[in-house]
Amino acid sequence: MKWDSLGGQPPVLLHQALPSLSVTEWALAAGYDGMVVDLQHGEVGLEAACTMLRAAPRGSAYSYARVGGLDPAPILRLLDSGARGIIAPTIESGEQARMLVEATKYPRVGNRSLGPSRPNLYPGQSYTEAGNLAVSTIAQIETVAGVENAESIIATSGLDSIYIGPADLAVSYGLPGRGDWEDGPVRDAIVHLSTLTKAHGVTLGIYSGSSPYAADLLGRELVDYVGLGIDLVFVNRAAQESIKTLRGTK
């Protein structure tokens, strides 16, 4: 994950749970650096996701998609439609991480099939080498097992990044399913994963619903990039605030 195009600023991505090209365009116009088209949660199906990816500029390095599992078929469709990163949830072993690399990288790194549906997707002398450099392979760690096996996951050849799912990780520790933790086992896991990813030259990202919390993690250099907010949650909050203001309630 290179930040040259962002002037050295860490990338900030919007999670998209709504199947809307307009949300993609408006988020990028508002200053987001990219998006995570979410096929794991929300209403986005494969066909809609492939179309949404085309709403982002062709050169966008942060047009990501989060899939529901390790099935290579939808991963291939998303990559051929222009996804520059694939986030796979609940990775708990080096073997699962290797399966993700196999699905997202061309030989000899992985086993991705050639069959692009967009012209000049990866310009360069070697299409496969350029494609492997352009696509980020991202393992989401969100369970105790994932944290315990983190080093074998992070050390997987061809893996580019780890993405923390803090709410599910909290539930895995027997805590309430919220995302922004200042202390406790979730915070300890963030620090642990930060140390491991730095040692292996792999980037680290996390989802957060709070701008101040995300800014603090970035400022402390615990993470390299953040997913900040979900479109559906933003709509819900704005709608609630509008009604409360209109009716004079708190």
Foldseek 3Di string as FASTA:
>chain_A
DDCVVVVPAFAEEAEEQDLDLVVQVVVVVVPHLEYEDEQQDHDDDLVSLLVSLVSDPLPRLQHEYEHNALPLVSVLSNVLSRHQEYEYEADQALVRLLSLLQSQAPPPRHPHDDDHPDPPSFDDPDRRVSSLVSHAYEYEHQAPSNLVRVLSNLLRPSHAEYEYEQQSHQVNVVHHRDHQDPDDDSVVSLQSNLVNCVVNVHFYEYEDQDPVSVVVCVVVVSGRYYHYYYPVVVVVVVVVVVVCVVVVHD
